[in-house]
Amino acid sequence: MVDMLKLIAETEGAELRPLTLICTSANFLEKTEYPGRVEIDMEAAMYHGDRVSQAGVHVETYDFMKIVFGDHKSQEGPFQFSRENLVEEVRQGGLGVRHFFGRIDMTLKFMNQKIPLVWKYPEAGLHPAACCQLGDVLIKLATAVG
């Protein structure tokens, strides 16, 4: 196993910031560890998203959902979210929508509590058009943590 944070610290000129993007090669097959950080993967995100109530949704979750899915079109027509019914509407969505909802809601809650975290495979289950919006999400998150 590779302690990715230790590896970064040992790399000349590399430092951890409030938001550090780590991309490993497809050929990098070792399991990586991120000590002291909560790992948010697809399983954790789906578990959280399936259990959060409308009253328990972070106040900014809706805004992040709009960044990723604002222009999303389903076969039935425009795919719209409302702040008031977000949980119900997300649960009617596909895997990628439900996955991202749980991931961003959990992320925002951890950030409020200053709990360090790692996103594992945030693109999993997302349509390529939605994946393109992840960069904007990261920028907004980085701005939020200063």
C-alpha atoms as a PDB file:
ATOM      1  CA  MET A   1       0.000   0.000   0.000  1.00  0.00           C
ATOM      2  CA  VAL A   2       1.134   3.503  -0.769  1.00  0.00           C
ATOM      3  CA  ASP A   3       0.609   6.377   1.662  1.00  0.00           C
ATOM      4  CA  MET A   4      -0.182   8.999  -0.979  1.00  0.00           C
ATOM      5  CA  LEU A   5       0.059  11.930   1.467  1.00  0.00           C
ATOM      6  CA  LYS A   6       3.542  10.867   2.574  1.00  0.00           C
ATOM      7  CA  LEU A   7       4.554  10.456  -1.063  1.00  0.00           C
ATOM      8  CA  ILE A   8       3.386  14.006  -1.830  1.00  0.00           C
ATOM      9  CA  ALA A   9       5.224  15.396   1.200  1.00  0.00           C
ATOM     10  CA  GLU A  10       8.442  13.723   0.054  1.00  0.00           C
ATOM     11  CA  THR A  11       8.147  15.089  -3.482  1.00  0.00           C
ATOM     12  CA  GLU A  12      10.218  18.224  -3.993  1.00  0.00           C
ATOM     13  CA  GLY A  13       8.015  21.285  -4.320  1.00  0.00           C
ATOM     14  CA  ALA A  14       4.776  19.447  -3.581  1.00  0.00           C
ATOM     15  CA  GLU A  15       2.562  20.467  -0.701  1.00  0.00           C
ATOM     16  CA  LEU A  16      -0.933  19.701   0.490  1.00  0.00           C
ATOM     17  CA  ARG A  17      -3.455  22.489   0.164  1.00  0.00           C
ATOM     18  CA  PRO A  18      -7.063  22.691   1.324  1.00  0.00           C
ATOM     19  CA  LEU A  19      -7.852  21.057  -2.006  1.00  0.00           C
ATOM     20  CA  THR A  20      -5.174  18.856  -3.565  1.00  0.00           C
ATOM     21  CA  LEU A  21      -5.901  17.035  -6.816  1.00  0.00           C
ATOM     22  CA  ILE A  22      -4.143  13.664  -7.088  1.00  0.00           C
ATOM     23  CA  CYS A  23      -4.376  11.704 -10.326  1.00  0.00           C
ATOM     24  CA  THR A  24      -2.713   8.331 -10.584  1.00  0.00           C
ATOM     25  CA  SER A  25      -1.771   6.553 -13.777  1.00  0.00           C
ATOM     26  CA  ALA A  26      -3.865   3.668 -15.041  1.00  0.00           C
ATOM     27  CA  ASN A  27      -0.704   1.603 -14.576  1.00  0.00           C
ATOM     28  CA  PHE A  28      -0.512   2.486 -10.868  1.00  0.00           C
ATOM     29  CA  LEU A  29      -2.123  -0.611  -9.395  1.00  0.00           C
ATOM     30  CA  GLU A  30      -1.156  -0.332  -5.736  1.00  0.00           C
ATOM     31  CA  LYS A  31      -3.886   0.483  -3.252  1.00  0.00           C
ATOM     32  CA  THR A  32      -3.393   4.006  -2.014  1.00  0.00           C
ATOM     33  CA  GLU A  33      -4.034   5.273   1.486  1.00  0.00           C
ATOM     34  CA  TYR A  34      -4.818   8.763   2.678  1.00  0.00           C
ATOM     35  CA  PRO A  35      -4.231   8.701   6.453  1.00  0.00           C
ATOM     36  CA  GLY A  36      -6.350  11.067   8.486  1.00  0.00           C
ATOM     37  CA  ARG A  37      -8.843  11.601   5.675  1.00  0.00           C
ATOM     38  CA  VAL A  38     -12.311  10.234   5.084  1.00  0.00           C
ATOM     39  CA  GLU A  39     -12.552   8.513   1.703  1.00  0.00           C
ATOM     40  CA  ILE A  40     -15.737   9.262  -0.194  1.00  0.00           C
ATOM     41  CA  ASP A  41     -16.197   6.665  -2.894  1.00  0.00           C
ATOM     42  CA  MET A  42     -19.270   5.711  -4.890  1.00  0.00           C
ATOM     43  CA  GLU A  43     -20.495   3.227  -2.284  1.00  0.00           C
ATOM     44  CA  ALA A  44     -20.304   5.773   0.553  1.00  0.00           C
ATOM     45  CA  ALA A  45     -21.915   8.459  -1.599  1.00  0.00           C
ATOM     46  CA  MET A  46     -24.819   6.214  -2.601  1.00  0.00           C
ATOM     47  CA  TYR A  47     -25.328   5.064   0.989  1.00  0.00           C
ATOM     48  CA  HIS A  48     -25.466   8.661   2.216  1.00  0.00           C
ATOM     49  CA  GLY A  49     -27.686   9.856  -0.633  1.00  0.00           C
ATOM     50  CA  ASP A  50     -30.193   7.065  -0.064  1.00  0.00           C
ATOM     51  CA  ARG A  51     -30.560   8.002   3.604  1.00  0.00           C
ATOM     52  CA  VAL A  52     -30.483  11.796   3.766  1.00  0.00           C
ATOM     53  CA  SER A  53     -33.835  13.525   4.252  1.00  0.00           C
ATOM     54  CA  GLN A  54     -34.897  16.738   2.530  1.00  0.00           C
ATOM     55  CA  ALA A  55     -34.516  18.573   5.840  1.00  0.00           C
ATOM     56  CA  GLY A  56     -30.996  17.180   6.227  1.00  0.00           C
ATOM     57  CA  VAL A  57     -29.649  18.304   2.836  1.00  0.00           C
ATOM     58  CA  HIS A  58     -26.766  20.785   3.068  1.00  0.00           C
ATOM     59  CA  VAL A  59     -27.860  24.274   2.055  1.00  0.00           C
ATOM     60  CA  GLU A  60     -25.362  24.384  -0.867  1.00  0.00           C
ATOM     61  CA  THR A  61     -26.019  20.901  -2.280  1.00  0.00           C
ATOM     62  CA  TYR A  62     -28.646  22.220  -4.694  1.00  0.00           C
ATOM     63  CA  ASP A  63     -26.192  24.795  -6.100  1.00  0.00           C
ATOM     64  CA  PHE A  64     -23.590  22.111  -6.820  1.00  0.00           C
ATOM     65  CA  MET A  65     -26.203  19.844  -8.409  1.00  0.00           C
ATOM     66  CA  LYS A  66     -27.083  22.690 -10.768  1.00  0.00           C
ATOM     67  CA  ILE A  67     -23.411  23.089 -11.751  1.00  0.00           C
ATOM     68  CA  VAL A  68     -23.178  19.455 -12.846  1.00  0.00           C
ATOM     69  CA  PHE A  69     -26.700  18.775 -14.117  1.00  0.00           C
ATOM     70  CA  GLY A  70     -28.095  22.218 -14.944  1.00  0.00           C
ATOM     71  CA  ASP A  71     -28.215  21.564 -18.679  1.00  0.00           C
ATOM     72  CA  HIS A  72     -28.874  17.824 -18.429  1.00  0.00           C
ATOM     73  CA  LYS A  73     -31.599  16.521 -20.746  1.00  0.00           C
ATOM     74  CA  SER A  74     -33.341  13.206 -20.233  1.00  0.00           C
ATOM     75  CA  GLN A  75     -35.366  11.349 -22.851  1.00  0.00           C
ATOM     76  CA  GLU A  76     -38.539  12.690 -21.247  1.00  0.00           C
ATOM     77  CA  GLY A  77     -37.396  16.317 -21.564  1.00  0.00           C
ATOM     78  CA  PRO A  78     -35.488  18.766 -19.375  1.00  0.00           C
ATOM     79  CA  PHE A  79     -34.251  17.265 -16.137  1.00  0.00           C
ATOM     80  CA  GLN A  80     -35.031  19.879 -13.523  1.00  0.00           C
ATOM     81  CA  PHE A  81     -34.263  20.028  -9.827  1.00  0.00           C
ATOM     82  CA  SER A  82     -36.031  22.150  -7.289  1.00  0.00           C
ATOM     83  CA  ARG A  83     -34.508  23.132  -3.985  1.00  0.00           C
ATOM     84  CA  GLU A  84     -37.736  22.160  -2.169  1.00  0.00           C
ATOM     85  CA  ASN A  85     -37.974  18.612  -3.595  1.00  0.00           C
ATOM     86  CA  LEU A  86     -34.323  17.852  -4.332  1.00  0.00           C
ATOM     87  CA  VAL A  87     -34.144  14.513  -2.507  1.00  0.00           C
ATOM     88  CA  GLU A  88     -37.275  13.122  -4.166  1.00  0.00           C
ATOM     89  CA  GLU A  89     -36.168  14.320  -7.621  1.00  0.00           C
ATOM     90  CA  VAL A  90     -32.654  12.930  -7.207  1.00  0.00           C
ATOM     91  CA  ARG A  91     -34.005   9.527  -6.192  1.00  0.00           C
ATOM     92  CA  GLN A  92     -35.915   9.429  -9.488  1.00  0.00           C
ATOM     93  CA  GLY A  93     -32.686  10.099 -11.380  1.00  0.00           C
ATOM     94  CA  GLY A  94     -30.097   7.695 -12.642  1.00  0.00           C
ATOM     95  CA  LEU A  95     -27.054   6.257 -10.946  1.00  0.00           C
ATOM     96  CA  GLY A  96     -24.790   9.229 -11.721  1.00  0.00           C
ATOM     97  CA  VAL A  97     -27.267  11.766 -10.351  1.00  0.00           C
ATOM     98  CA  ARG A  98     -27.794   9.804  -7.135  1.00  0.00           C
ATOM     99  CA  HIS A  99     -24.049   9.193  -6.758  1.00  0.00           C
ATOM    100  CA  PHE A 100     -23.078  12.847  -7.189  1.00  0.00           C
ATOM    101  CA  PHE A 101     -25.860  14.023  -4.875  1.00  0.00           C
ATOM    102  CA  GLY A 102     -24.610  11.821  -2.028  1.00  0.00           C
ATOM    103  CA  ARG A 103     -20.969  12.738  -2.715  1.00  0.00           C
ATOM    104  CA  ILE A 104     -21.450  16.511  -2.767  1.00  0.00           C
ATOM    105  CA  ASP A 105     -23.843  16.577   0.192  1.00  0.00           C
ATOM    106  CA  MET A 106     -21.446  14.521   2.325  1.00  0.00           C
ATOM    107  CA  THR A 107     -18.467  16.596   1.139  1.00  0.00           C
ATOM    108  CA  LEU A 108     -20.086  19.893   2.115  1.00  0.00           C
ATOM    109  CA  LYS A 109     -21.026  18.543   5.542  1.00  0.00           C
ATOM    110  CA  PHE A 110     -17.479  17.277   6.185  1.00  0.00           C
ATOM    111  CA  MET A 111     -16.017  20.570   5.000  1.00  0.00           C
ATOM    112  CA  ASN A 112     -18.222  22.486   7.438  1.00  0.00           C
ATOM    113  CA  GLN A 113     -16.811  20.329  10.228  1.00  0.00           C
ATOM    114  CA  LYS A 114     -13.248  20.769   8.879  1.00  0.00           C
ATOM    115  CA  ILE A 115     -12.908  17.004   8.356  1.00  0.00           C
ATOM    116  CA  PRO A 116     -10.255  16.227   5.705  1.00  0.00           C
ATOM    117  CA  LEU A 117     -11.547  14.034   2.899  1.00  0.00           C
ATOM    118  CA  VAL A 118     -10.614  12.309  -0.339  1.00  0.00           C
ATOM    119  CA  TRP A 119     -12.813  11.749  -3.363  1.00  0.00           C
ATOM    120  CA  LYS A 120     -12.239   8.363  -4.986  1.00  0.00           C
ATOM    121  CA  TYR A 121     -13.432   8.081  -8.590  1.00  0.00           C
ATOM    122  CA  PRO A 122     -15.905  10.996  -8.617  1.00  0.00           C
ATOM    123  CA  GLU A 123     -16.586  10.415 -12.316  1.00  0.00           C
ATOM    124  CA  ALA A 124     -18.029   6.928 -11.724  1.00  0.00           C
ATOM    125  CA  GLY A 125     -21.514   6.590 -13.164  1.00  0.00           C
ATOM    126  CA  LEU A 126     -21.592  10.110 -14.581  1.00  0.00           C
ATOM    127  CA  HIS A 127     -22.362  10.924 -18.181  1.00  0.00           C
ATOM    128  CA  PRO A 128     -19.293  12.431 -19.934  1.00  0.00           C
ATOM    129  CA  ALA A 129     -21.077  15.807 -20.155  1.00  0.00           C
ATOM    130  CA  ALA A 130     -21.564  15.779 -16.383  1.00  0.00           C
ATOM    131  CA  CYS A 131     -17.924  14.723 -15.850  1.00  0.00           C
ATOM    132  CA  CYS A 132     -16.835  17.876 -17.677  1.00  0.00           C
ATOM    133  CA  GLN A 133     -18.503  19.934 -14.966  1.00  0.00           C
ATOM    134  CA  LEU A 134     -16.480  18.331 -12.151  1.00  0.00           C
ATOM    135  CA  GLY A 135     -13.705  20.867 -12.774  1.00  0.00           C
ATOM    136  CA  ASP A 136     -16.116  23.700 -11.971  1.00  0.00           C
ATOM    137  CA  VAL A 137     -17.187  21.848  -8.826  1.00  0.00           C
ATOM    138  CA  LEU A 138     -13.568  21.525  -7.681  1.00  0.00           C
ATOM    139  CA  ILE A 139     -12.933  25.220  -8.301  1.00  0.00           C
ATOM    140  CA  LYS A 140     -16.023  26.177  -6.303  1.00  0.00           C
ATOM    141  CA  LEU A 141     -15.032  23.820  -3.472  1.00  0.00           C
ATOM    142  CA  ALA A 142     -11.471  25.219  -3.436  1.00  0.00           C
ATOM    143  CA  THR A 143     -12.863  28.744  -3.233  1.00  0.00           C
ATOM    144  CA  ALA A 144     -15.143  27.709  -0.386  1.00  0.00           C
ATOM    145  CA  VAL A 145     -12.261  26.362   1.719  1.00  0.00           C
ATOM    146  CA  GLY A 146     -10.119  29.419   1.080  1.00  0.00           C
END
